[in-house]
């Protein structure tokens, strides 16, 4: 699953949190939070779930649509 960086950044803005706060809230490493929020690439379902739950959004909204 491809990371939708823009969706994650928007959800972070809506929640008023930065990358460090996201890492703590989601129970993920700071490096993982930085990658999901800035660099993109491929992500795992469990991490999408943790981030979605922390930001109070559907995890699927953080995934880029398949081509």
Protein backbone atom coordinates (compact mmCIF):
# COMPACT_ATOMS: atom_id res chain seq x y z
CA UNK A 1 0.00 0.00 0.00
CA UNK A 2 1.36 3.38 -1.02
CA UNK A 3 1.47 6.18 1.54
CA UNK A 4 -0.64 9.25 0.76
CA UNK A 5 1.66 11.88 2.28
CA UNK A 6 -0.75 14.72 1.51
CA UNK A 7 -3.62 12.98 3.32
CA UNK A 8 -1.44 12.29 6.35
CA UNK A 9 -0.23 15.90 6.47
CA UNK A 10 -3.81 17.18 6.20
CA UNK A 11 -4.99 14.87 8.98
CA UNK A 12 -2.06 16.00 11.12
CA UNK A 13 -2.96 19.64 10.50
CA UNK A 14 -6.61 18.97 11.37
CA UNK A 15 -5.50 17.28 14.61
CA UNK A 16 -2.96 20.01 15.37
CA UNK A 17 -0.06 17.59 15.78
CA UNK A 18 3.49 17.46 14.49
CA UNK A 19 5.55 14.45 13.53
CA UNK A 20 6.95 13.89 17.03
CA UNK A 21 3.47 13.98 18.56
CA UNK A 22 2.15 11.65 15.87
CA UNK A 23 4.87 9.11 16.67
CA UNK A 24 3.97 9.15 20.36
CA UNK A 25 0.21 9.07 19.78
CA UNK A 26 0.42 6.22 17.26
CA UNK A 27 3.05 4.20 19.13
CA UNK A 28 5.44 4.21 16.18
CA UNK A 29 9.06 5.29 15.90
CA UNK A 30 9.88 8.87 15.03
CA UNK A 31 11.63 7.64 11.88
CA UNK A 32 8.49 5.84 10.75
CA UNK A 33 6.37 8.91 11.44
CA UNK A 34 8.76 11.07 9.42
CA UNK A 35 8.68 8.63 6.50
CA UNK A 36 4.87 8.46 6.43
CA UNK A 37 4.47 12.24 6.81
CA UNK A 38 7.17 13.42 4.43
CA UNK A 39 8.73 10.78 2.21
CA UNK A 40 5.98 8.38 1.23
CA UNK A 41 6.68 5.01 -0.32
CA UNK A 42 5.13 1.75 0.76
CA UNK A 43 3.48 1.30 4.13
CA UNK A 44 2.08 -1.55 6.18
CA UNK A 45 -1.54 -2.08 7.17
CA UNK A 46 -0.77 -2.15 10.92
CA UNK A 47 1.02 1.20 10.70
CA UNK A 48 -1.77 2.78 8.65
CA UNK A 49 -4.16 1.54 11.33
CA UNK A 50 -2.11 3.06 14.16
CA UNK A 51 -1.75 6.41 12.40
CA UNK A 52 -5.41 6.53 11.42
CA UNK A 53 -6.49 5.74 14.94
CA UNK A 54 -4.14 8.39 16.39
CA UNK A 55 -5.46 11.03 13.96
CA UNK A 56 -9.10 9.91 14.24
CA UNK A 57 -9.43 9.16 10.51
CA UNK A 58 -10.11 6.00 8.53
CA UNK A 59 -6.79 4.27 7.84
CA UNK A 60 -7.85 3.68 4.24
CA UNK A 61 -8.01 7.47 3.72
CA UNK A 62 -4.22 7.53 4.21
CA UNK A 63 -3.54 5.09 1.37
CA UNK A 64 -3.07 6.17 -2.26
CA UNK A 65 -5.57 4.57 -4.63
CA UNK A 66 -4.23 1.69 -6.68
CA UNK A 67 -3.47 2.43 -10.32
